[in-house]
Amino acid sequence: MSSDDTGFPTSDAPAPAGLVATQARVVRGILERYGRRLLAAFLCVVLPLWGFGELAEDVAEGEPFGFDEPMLHAMHALEGAQLDALFLTLSAVGFSRGVVPADILLVLVLALRRHPRSAVFAAVALGGSALLNLGAKHVMQRDRPALWESIAPETTYSFPSGHAMGSATLACVLACLAWRTRWRWPVIALGALFTVGVGLSRVYLGVHYPSDILAGWAAAIAWTVGVRLIAFRRGLVTGSTQP
């Protein structure tokens, strides 16, 4: 504080224009330093989480999705022996015969190769995703589609899809681990193709609504990238040589 010629105290705070300029410099500094991380958090955590919330809200309120049954009928119209075999294989590989063993193997390989941070990240992301899926299923308690008799029937709850969430989580974990390597885009491309194939297999077999698949993908992306950015961000963001 200081005083003017009258002796009354005056404030040393900058004028409004100076405050605006100061705040602008602070914001610019934050964006320059953390802009990429904030953008990644928004695109890969906030948006998928919002999408999952919107889907879950409508499911909880019993509101049907206009695209669910038309897409189920469209996929079922393609039914044939070759597609049956293809999608049965994709469905099996998308869970017990592929994704689950791959999850375990990935964590073990990372641990044995002395990448403890990456091993813990993979274990938390993959294991947490499975637990979240089970919890969400029992909270939402959505029945499976019953438009026709499936060749691979399921008896558990439908929302969100465990196959979609599990395959997407594995793909996201591998993408995070490969982010600072030359394998980044091949891993992302192959992971996306595999994840979409698994999701389509569940719709083709008539055991999931498309909205179940979308919810599984959204939850997997938000959870995995959120875990990486919050707890294990070094390898993804700062350019550490460790996976």
C-alpha atoms as a PDB file:
ATOM      1  CA  MET A   1       0.000   0.000   0.000  1.00  0.00           C
ATOM      2  CA  SER A   2       1.079   3.624  -0.634  1.00  0.00           C
ATOM      3  CA  SER A   3      -0.533   7.033  -0.132  1.00  0.00           C
ATOM      4  CA  ASP A   4      -1.297   9.918  -2.457  1.00  0.00           C
ATOM      5  CA  ASP A   5      -0.827  13.671  -1.803  1.00  0.00           C
ATOM      6  CA  THR A   6      -3.889  13.741   0.442  1.00  0.00           C
ATOM      7  CA  GLY A   7      -2.479  11.047   2.710  1.00  0.00           C
ATOM      8  CA  PHE A   8      -5.129   8.477   1.882  1.00  0.00           C
ATOM      9  CA  PRO A   9      -3.837   4.956   1.089  1.00  0.00           C
ATOM     10  CA  THR A  10      -3.884   3.784  -2.500  1.00  0.00           C
ATOM     11  CA  SER A  11      -3.578   0.280  -3.931  1.00  0.00           C
ATOM     12  CA  ASP A  12      -0.391  -0.906  -5.596  1.00  0.00           C
ATOM     13  CA  ALA A  13      -2.395  -3.441  -7.654  1.00  0.00           C
ATOM     14  CA  PRO A  14      -2.003  -3.117 -11.398  1.00  0.00           C
ATOM     15  CA  ALA A  15      -4.679  -1.397 -13.413  1.00  0.00           C
ATOM     16  CA  PRO A  16      -7.375  -3.576 -15.048  1.00  0.00           C
ATOM     17  CA  ALA A  17      -5.504  -3.578 -18.360  1.00  0.00           C
ATOM     18  CA  GLY A  18      -2.370  -4.722 -16.558  1.00  0.00           C
ATOM     19  CA  LEU A  19      -4.315  -7.493 -14.815  1.00  0.00           C
ATOM     20  CA  VAL A  20      -5.645  -8.738 -18.129  1.00  0.00           C
ATOM     21  CA  ALA A  21      -2.154  -8.756 -19.643  1.00  0.00           C
ATOM     22  CA  THR A  22      -0.770 -10.598 -16.608  1.00  0.00           C
ATOM     23  CA  GLN A  23      -3.505 -13.227 -16.722  1.00  0.00           C
ATOM     24  CA  ALA A  24      -3.009 -13.640 -20.464  1.00  0.00           C
ATOM     25  CA  ARG A  25       0.695 -14.313 -19.928  1.00  0.00           C
ATOM     26  CA  VAL A  26      -0.118 -16.875 -17.230  1.00  0.00           C
ATOM     27  CA  VAL A  27      -2.642 -18.665 -19.446  1.00  0.00           C
ATOM     28  CA  ARG A  28      -0.237 -18.636 -22.390  1.00  0.00           C
ATOM     29  CA  GLY A  29       2.515 -20.095 -20.225  1.00  0.00           C
ATOM     30  CA  ILE A  30       0.209 -22.862 -18.982  1.00  0.00           C
ATOM     31  CA  LEU A  31      -0.899 -23.723 -22.508  1.00  0.00           C
ATOM     32  CA  GLU A  32       2.661 -23.746 -23.802  1.00  0.00           C
ATOM     33  CA  ARG A  33       3.751 -26.080 -21.018  1.00  0.00           C
ATOM     34  CA  TYR A  34       0.709 -28.263 -20.575  1.00  0.00           C
ATOM     35  CA  GLY A  35      -1.286 -27.699 -23.768  1.00  0.00           C
ATOM     36  CA  ARG A  36      -0.626 -31.114 -25.277  1.00  0.00           C
ATOM     37  CA  ARG A  37      -1.508 -32.861 -22.046  1.00  0.00           C
ATOM     38  CA  LEU A  38      -4.699 -30.842 -21.643  1.00  0.00           C
ATOM     39  CA  LEU A  39      -5.728 -31.518 -25.246  1.00  0.00           C
ATOM     40  CA  ALA A  40      -5.034 -35.228 -24.833  1.00  0.00           C
ATOM     41  CA  ALA A  41      -7.030 -35.289 -21.606  1.00  0.00           C
ATOM     42  CA  PHE A  42      -9.941 -33.551 -23.294  1.00  0.00           C
ATOM     43  CA  LEU A  43     -10.012 -35.662 -26.450  1.00  0.00           C
ATOM     44  CA  CYS A  44      -9.188 -39.014 -24.878  1.00  0.00           C
ATOM     45  CA  VAL A  45     -10.727 -38.718 -21.405  1.00  0.00           C
ATOM     46  CA  VAL A  46     -13.369 -36.011 -21.155  1.00  0.00           C
ATOM     47  CA  LEU A  47     -15.145 -36.645 -24.475  1.00  0.00           C
ATOM     48  CA  PRO A  48     -15.309 -40.469 -24.131  1.00  0.00           C
ATOM     49  CA  LEU A  49     -16.388 -40.115 -20.506  1.00  0.00           C
ATOM     50  CA  TRP A  50     -19.122 -37.710 -21.534  1.00  0.00           C
ATOM     51  CA  GLY A  51     -20.237 -40.112 -24.279  1.00  0.00           C
ATOM     52  CA  PHE A  52     -20.361 -43.021 -21.849  1.00  0.00           C
ATOM     53  CA  GLY A  53     -22.367 -40.915 -19.400  1.00  0.00           C
ATOM     54  CA  GLU A  54     -24.901 -39.970 -22.054  1.00  0.00           C
ATOM     55  CA  LEU A  55     -25.350 -43.590 -23.102  1.00  0.00           C
ATOM     56  CA  ALA A  56     -25.584 -44.808 -19.520  1.00  0.00           C
ATOM     57  CA  GLU A  57     -28.161 -42.158 -18.637  1.00  0.00           C
ATOM     58  CA  ASP A  58     -30.453 -43.201 -21.469  1.00  0.00           C
ATOM     59  CA  VAL A  59     -30.047 -46.886 -20.635  1.00  0.00           C
ATOM     60  CA  ALA A  60     -30.851 -46.196 -16.971  1.00  0.00           C
ATOM     61  CA  GLU A  61     -33.984 -44.310 -17.990  1.00  0.00           C
ATOM     62  CA  GLY A  62     -35.043 -47.099 -20.360  1.00  0.00           C
ATOM     63  CA  GLU A  63     -34.935 -44.873 -23.416  1.00  0.00           C
ATOM     64  CA  PRO A  64     -34.290 -46.829 -26.640  1.00  0.00           C
ATOM     65  CA  PHE A  65     -31.588 -45.808 -29.095  1.00  0.00           C
ATOM     66  CA  GLY A  66     -32.910 -45.351 -32.603  1.00  0.00           C
ATOM     67  CA  PHE A  67     -29.873 -46.992 -34.177  1.00  0.00           C
ATOM     68  CA  ASP A  68     -29.729 -50.143 -32.051  1.00  0.00           C
ATOM     69  CA  GLU A  69     -32.312 -52.428 -33.589  1.00  0.00           C
ATOM     70  CA  PRO A  70     -31.824 -51.288 -37.228  1.00  0.00           C
ATOM     71  CA  MET A  71     -28.088 -52.020 -36.969  1.00  0.00           C
ATOM     72  CA  LEU A  72     -28.761 -55.389 -35.365  1.00  0.00           C
ATOM     73  CA  HIS A  73     -31.174 -56.343 -38.146  1.00  0.00           C
ATOM     74  CA  ALA A  74     -28.751 -55.072 -40.809  1.00  0.00           C
ATOM     75  CA  MET A  75     -25.925 -57.206 -39.440  1.00  0.00           C
ATOM     76  CA  HIS A  76     -28.188 -60.225 -39.068  1.00  0.00           C
ATOM     77  CA  ALA A  77     -29.260 -59.885 -42.701  1.00  0.00           C
ATOM     78  CA  LEU A  78     -25.659 -60.655 -43.686  1.00  0.00           C
ATOM     79  CA  GLU A  79     -25.786 -64.028 -41.959  1.00  0.00           C
ATOM     80  CA  GLY A  80     -23.921 -66.832 -43.674  1.00  0.00           C
ATOM     81  CA  ALA A  81     -21.627 -69.740 -42.881  1.00  0.00           C
ATOM     82  CA  GLN A  82     -18.403 -67.859 -43.613  1.00  0.00           C
ATOM     83  CA  LEU A  83     -19.386 -64.794 -41.588  1.00  0.00           C
ATOM     84  CA  ASP A  84     -20.573 -67.057 -38.783  1.00  0.00           C
ATOM     85  CA  ALA A  85     -17.131 -68.634 -38.600  1.00  0.00           C
ATOM     86  CA  LEU A  86     -15.339 -65.271 -38.866  1.00  0.00           C
ATOM     87  CA  PHE A  87     -17.323 -63.508 -36.190  1.00  0.00           C
ATOM     88  CA  LEU A  88     -17.364 -66.502 -33.840  1.00  0.00           C
ATOM     89  CA  THR A  89     -13.568 -66.513 -34.065  1.00  0.00           C
ATOM     90  CA  LEU A  90     -13.312 -62.756 -33.527  1.00  0.00           C
ATOM     91  CA  SER A  91     -15.657 -62.979 -30.566  1.00  0.00           C
ATOM     92  CA  ALA A  92     -13.616 -65.758 -28.956  1.00  0.00           C
ATOM     93  CA  VAL A  93     -10.299 -64.002 -29.606  1.00  0.00           C
ATOM     94  CA  GLY A  94     -11.829 -60.795 -28.277  1.00  0.00           C
ATOM     95  CA  PHE A  95     -12.097 -62.265 -24.811  1.00  0.00           C
ATOM     96  CA  SER A  96     -11.168 -65.643 -23.320  1.00  0.00           C
ATOM     97  CA  ARG A  97      -9.049 -66.998 -26.180  1.00  0.00           C
ATOM     98  CA  GLY A  98      -7.130 -63.869 -27.015  1.00  0.00           C
ATOM     99  CA  VAL A  99      -7.490 -60.681 -25.018  1.00  0.00           C
ATOM    100  CA  VAL A 100      -7.379 -62.188 -21.526  1.00  0.00           C
ATOM    101  CA  PRO A 101      -4.247 -64.313 -22.152  1.00  0.00           C
ATOM    102  CA  ALA A 102      -2.639 -61.358 -23.970  1.00  0.00           C
ATOM    103  CA  ASP A 103      -3.345 -59.103 -20.985  1.00  0.00           C
ATOM    104  CA  ILE A 104      -1.598 -61.498 -18.610  1.00  0.00           C
ATOM    105  CA  LEU A 105       1.293 -62.116 -20.994  1.00  0.00           C
ATOM    106  CA  LEU A 106       1.843 -58.401 -21.568  1.00  0.00           C
ATOM    107  CA  VAL A 107       2.145 -57.643 -17.856  1.00  0.00           C
ATOM    108  CA  LEU A 108       4.494 -60.588 -17.311  1.00  0.00           C
ATOM    109  CA  VAL A 109       6.739 -59.666 -20.256  1.00  0.00           C
ATOM    110  CA  LEU A 110       7.009 -56.057 -19.117  1.00  0.00           C
ATOM    111  CA  ALA A 111       7.846 -57.146 -15.583  1.00  0.00           C
ATOM    112  CA  LEU A 112      10.425 -59.717 -16.708  1.00  0.00           C
ATOM    113  CA  ARG A 113      12.062 -57.157 -19.016  1.00  0.00           C
ATOM    114  CA  ARG A 114      12.417 -54.836 -16.038  1.00  0.00           C
ATOM    115  CA  HIS A 115       9.940 -52.153 -17.036  1.00  0.00           C
ATOM    116  CA  PRO A 116       8.162 -51.884 -13.675  1.00  0.00           C
ATOM    117  CA  ARG A 117       6.303 -48.637 -14.386  1.00  0.00           C
ATOM    118  CA  SER A 118       4.938 -49.989 -17.643  1.00  0.00           C
ATOM    119  CA  ALA A 119       4.045 -53.323 -16.047  1.00  0.00           C
ATOM    120  CA  VAL A 120       2.138 -51.615 -13.244  1.00  0.00           C
ATOM    121  CA  PHE A 121       0.424 -49.276 -15.717  1.00  0.00           C
ATOM    122  CA  ALA A 122      -0.696 -52.220 -17.864  1.00  0.00           C
ATOM    123  CA  ALA A 123      -1.883 -54.176 -14.829  1.00  0.00           C
ATOM    124  CA  VAL A 124      -3.852 -51.240 -13.420  1.00  0.00           C
ATOM    125  CA  ALA A 125      -5.383 -50.301 -16.779  1.00  0.00           C
ATOM    126  CA  LEU A 126      -6.302 -53.841 -17.818  1.00  0.00           C
ATOM    127  CA  GLY A 127      -7.389 -55.100 -14.418  1.00  0.00           C
ATOM    128  CA  GLY A 128      -9.231 -51.907 -13.564  1.00  0.00           C
ATOM    129  CA  SER A 129     -11.079 -51.994 -16.866  1.00  0.00           C
ATOM    130  CA  ALA A 130     -12.341 -55.510 -16.167  1.00  0.00           C
ATOM    131  CA  LEU A 131     -13.530 -54.530 -12.695  1.00  0.00           C
ATOM    132  CA  LEU A 132     -15.214 -51.384 -13.983  1.00  0.00           C
ATOM    133  CA  ASN A 133     -17.005 -53.388 -16.639  1.00  0.00           C
ATOM    134  CA  LEU A 134     -18.331 -55.896 -14.123  1.00  0.00           C
ATOM    135  CA  GLY A 135     -19.454 -53.115 -11.815  1.00  0.00           C
ATOM    136  CA  ALA A 136     -21.170 -51.181 -14.601  1.00  0.00           C
ATOM    137  CA  LYS A 137     -23.001 -54.286 -15.821  1.00  0.00           C
ATOM    138  CA  HIS A 138     -24.447 -54.966 -12.386  1.00  0.00           C
ATOM    139  CA  VAL A 139     -25.398 -51.332 -11.864  1.00  0.00           C
ATOM    140  CA  MET A 140     -27.100 -50.931 -15.255  1.00  0.00           C
ATOM    141  CA  GLN A 141     -28.574 -54.485 -15.474  1.00  0.00           C
ATOM    142  CA  ARG A 142     -29.482 -54.156 -19.135  1.00  0.00           C
ATOM    143  CA  ASP A 143     -30.902 -57.285 -20.739  1.00  0.00           C
ATOM    144  CA  ARG A 144     -29.327 -58.755 -23.841  1.00  0.00           C
ATOM    145  CA  PRO A 145     -31.003 -58.278 -27.230  1.00  0.00           C
ATOM    146  CA  ALA A 146     -33.587 -60.941 -27.989  1.00  0.00           C
ATOM    147  CA  LEU A 147     -34.378 -60.301 -31.639  1.00  0.00           C
ATOM    148  CA  TRP A 148     -33.373 -63.815 -32.747  1.00  0.00           C
ATOM    149  CA  GLU A 149     -31.778 -66.913 -31.282  1.00  0.00           C
ATOM    150  CA  SER A 150     -28.028 -66.341 -31.250  1.00  0.00           C
ATOM    151  CA  ILE A 151     -25.531 -69.003 -32.282  1.00  0.00           C
ATOM    152  CA  ALA A 152     -23.410 -67.877 -29.314  1.00  0.00           C
ATOM    153  CA  PRO A 153     -25.896 -66.957 -26.566  1.00  0.00           C
ATOM    154  CA  GLU A 154     -24.895 -65.021 -23.448  1.00  0.00           C
ATOM    155  CA  THR A 155     -26.599 -64.906 -20.061  1.00  0.00           C
ATOM    156  CA  THR A 156     -24.871 -61.974 -18.328  1.00  0.00           C
ATOM    157  CA  TYR A 157     -25.936 -58.343 -18.491  1.00  0.00           C
ATOM    158  CA  SER A 158     -25.389 -56.411 -21.695  1.00  0.00           C
ATOM    159  CA  PHE A 159     -24.224 -52.855 -20.899  1.00  0.00           C
ATOM    160  CA  PRO A 160     -21.378 -52.071 -21.472  1.00  0.00           C
ATOM    161  CA  SER A 161     -19.907 -54.782 -23.670  1.00  0.00           C
ATOM    162  CA  GLY A 162     -17.081 -56.626 -21.936  1.00  0.00           C
ATOM    163  CA  HIS A 163     -15.616 -57.761 -25.255  1.00  0.00           C
ATOM    164  CA  ALA A 164     -15.607 -54.212 -26.632  1.00  0.00           C
ATOM    165  CA  MET A 165     -14.187 -52.743 -23.444  1.00  0.00           C
ATOM    166  CA  GLY A 166     -11.531 -55.435 -22.987  1.00  0.00           C
ATOM    167  CA  SER A 167     -10.263 -55.332 -26.571  1.00  0.00           C
ATOM    168  CA  ALA A 168     -10.254 -51.524 -26.636  1.00  0.00           C
ATOM    169  CA  THR A 169      -8.408 -51.347 -23.322  1.00  0.00           C
ATOM    170  CA  LEU A 170      -5.699 -53.699 -24.571  1.00  0.00           C
ATOM    171  CA  ALA A 171      -5.378 -51.688 -27.788  1.00  0.00           C
ATOM    172  CA  CYS A 172      -5.123 -48.425 -25.827  1.00  0.00           C
ATOM    173  CA  VAL A 173      -2.516 -49.854 -23.451  1.00  0.00           C
ATOM    174  CA  LEU A 174      -0.374 -51.026 -26.357  1.00  0.00           C
ATOM    175  CA  ALA A 175      -0.763 -47.648 -28.072  1.00  0.00           C
ATOM    176  CA  CYS A 176       0.356 -45.853 -24.910  1.00  0.00           C
ATOM    177  CA  LEU A 177       3.381 -48.126 -24.541  1.00  0.00           C
ATOM    178  CA  ALA A 178       4.337 -47.643 -28.188  1.00  0.00           C
ATOM    179  CA  TRP A 179       3.623 -43.895 -28.221  1.00  0.00           C
ATOM    180  CA  ARG A 180       7.270 -42.792 -28.230  1.00  0.00           C
ATOM    181  CA  THR A 181       8.448 -45.457 -30.668  1.00  0.00           C
ATOM    182  CA  ARG A 182       8.303 -45.882 -34.440  1.00  0.00           C
ATOM    183  CA  TRP A 183       5.634 -48.545 -33.925  1.00  0.00           C
ATOM    184  CA  ARG A 184       3.047 -46.044 -32.705  1.00  0.00           C
ATOM    185  CA  TRP A 185       0.895 -45.777 -35.836  1.00  0.00           C
ATOM    186  CA  PRO A 186       1.040 -49.465 -36.834  1.00  0.00           C
ATOM    187  CA  VAL A 187       0.010 -50.407 -33.290  1.00  0.00           C
ATOM    188  CA  ILE A 188      -2.823 -47.874 -33.303  1.00  0.00           C
ATOM    189  CA  ALA A 189      -4.061 -49.000 -36.731  1.00  0.00           C
ATOM    190  CA  LEU A 190      -3.971 -52.720 -35.908  1.00  0.00           C
ATOM    191  CA  GLY A 191      -5.507 -52.132 -32.492  1.00  0.00           C
ATOM    192  CA  ALA A 192      -8.349 -50.112 -33.986  1.00  0.00           C
ATOM    193  CA  LEU A 193      -9.063 -52.752 -36.651  1.00  0.00           C
ATOM    194  CA  PHE A 194      -9.074 -55.518 -34.062  1.00  0.00           C
ATOM    195  CA  THR A 195     -11.291 -53.572 -31.687  1.00  0.00           C
ATOM    196  CA  VAL A 196     -13.813 -52.722 -34.405  1.00  0.00           C
ATOM    197  CA  GLY A 197     -13.842 -56.341 -35.580  1.00  0.00           C
ATOM    198  CA  VAL A 198     -14.568 -57.613 -32.084  1.00  0.00           C
ATOM    199  CA  GLY A 199     -17.321 -55.048 -31.628  1.00  0.00           C
ATOM    200  CA  LEU A 200     -18.952 -55.954 -34.938  1.00  0.00           C
ATOM    201  CA  SER A 201     -18.800 -59.642 -34.026  1.00  0.00           C
ATOM    202  CA  ARG A 202     -20.888 -59.037 -30.912  1.00  0.00           C
ATOM    203  CA  VAL A 203     -23.539 -57.155 -32.889  1.00  0.00           C
ATOM    204  CA  TYR A 204     -23.537 -59.764 -35.667  1.00  0.00           C
ATOM    205  CA  LEU A 205     -24.048 -62.540 -33.116  1.00  0.00           C
ATOM    206  CA  GLY A 206     -26.984 -60.620 -31.658  1.00  0.00           C
ATOM    207  CA  VAL A 207     -25.660 -60.593 -28.096  1.00  0.00           C
ATOM    208  CA  HIS A 208     -25.057 -56.844 -27.806  1.00  0.00           C
ATOM    209  CA  TYR A 209     -26.740 -53.649 -28.862  1.00  0.00           C
ATOM    210  CA  PRO A 210     -24.476 -51.258 -30.795  1.00  0.00           C
ATOM    211  CA  SER A 211     -24.868 -48.816 -27.892  1.00  0.00           C
ATOM    212  CA  ASP A 212     -23.281 -51.448 -25.615  1.00  0.00           C
ATOM    213  CA  ILE A 213     -20.278 -51.524 -27.930  1.00  0.00           C
ATOM    214  CA  LEU A 214     -19.955 -47.738 -28.078  1.00  0.00           C
ATOM    215  CA  ALA A 215     -20.158 -47.535 -24.294  1.00  0.00           C
ATOM    216  CA  GLY A 216     -17.447 -50.181 -23.923  1.00  0.00           C
ATOM    217  CA  TRP A 217     -15.128 -48.336 -26.283  1.00  0.00           C
ATOM    218  CA  ALA A 218     -15.754 -44.978 -24.600  1.00  0.00           C
ATOM    219  CA  ALA A 219     -15.162 -46.365 -21.114  1.00  0.00           C
ATOM    220  CA  ALA A 220     -11.980 -48.148 -22.195  1.00  0.00           C
ATOM    221  CA  ILE A 221     -10.456 -45.050 -23.808  1.00  0.00           C
ATOM    222  CA  ALA A 222     -11.365 -42.746 -20.909  1.00  0.00           C
ATOM    223  CA  TRP A 223     -10.094 -45.171 -18.265  1.00  0.00           C
ATOM    224  CA  THR A 224      -6.845 -46.193 -19.949  1.00  0.00           C
ATOM    225  CA  VAL A 225      -5.720 -42.766 -21.106  1.00  0.00           C
ATOM    226  CA  GLY A 226      -6.857 -41.256 -17.813  1.00  0.00           C
ATOM    227  CA  VAL A 227      -4.729 -43.714 -15.851  1.00  0.00           C
ATOM    228  CA  ARG A 228      -1.767 -43.027 -18.120  1.00  0.00           C
ATOM    229  CA  LEU A 229      -1.999 -39.249 -17.961  1.00  0.00           C
ATOM    230  CA  ILE A 230      -2.700 -39.040 -14.237  1.00  0.00           C
ATOM    231  CA  ALA A 231      -0.471 -41.717 -12.740  1.00  0.00           C
ATOM    232  CA  PHE A 232       2.016 -42.847 -15.392  1.00  0.00           C
ATOM    233  CA  ARG A 233       2.385 -39.875 -17.691  1.00  0.00           C
ATOM    234  CA  ARG A 234       6.203 -39.834 -17.934  1.00  0.00           C
ATOM    235  CA  GLY A 235       6.601 -42.270 -20.813  1.00  0.00           C
ATOM    236  CA  LEU A 236       3.672 -40.892 -22.773  1.00  0.00           C
ATOM    237  CA  VAL A 237       4.104 -37.160 -22.379  1.00  0.00           C
ATOM    238  CA  THR A 238       7.635 -36.211 -21.458  1.00  0.00           C
ATOM    239  CA  GLY A 239       9.556 -38.401 -23.849  1.00  0.00           C
ATOM    240  CA  SER A 240      11.067 -40.862 -21.395  1.00  0.00           C
ATOM    241  CA  THR A 241      12.922 -43.712 -23.056  1.00  0.00           C
ATOM    242  CA  GLN A 242      11.189 -46.218 -20.809  1.00  0.00           C
ATOM    243  CA  PRO A 243       7.995 -47.643 -22.387  1.00  0.00           C
END
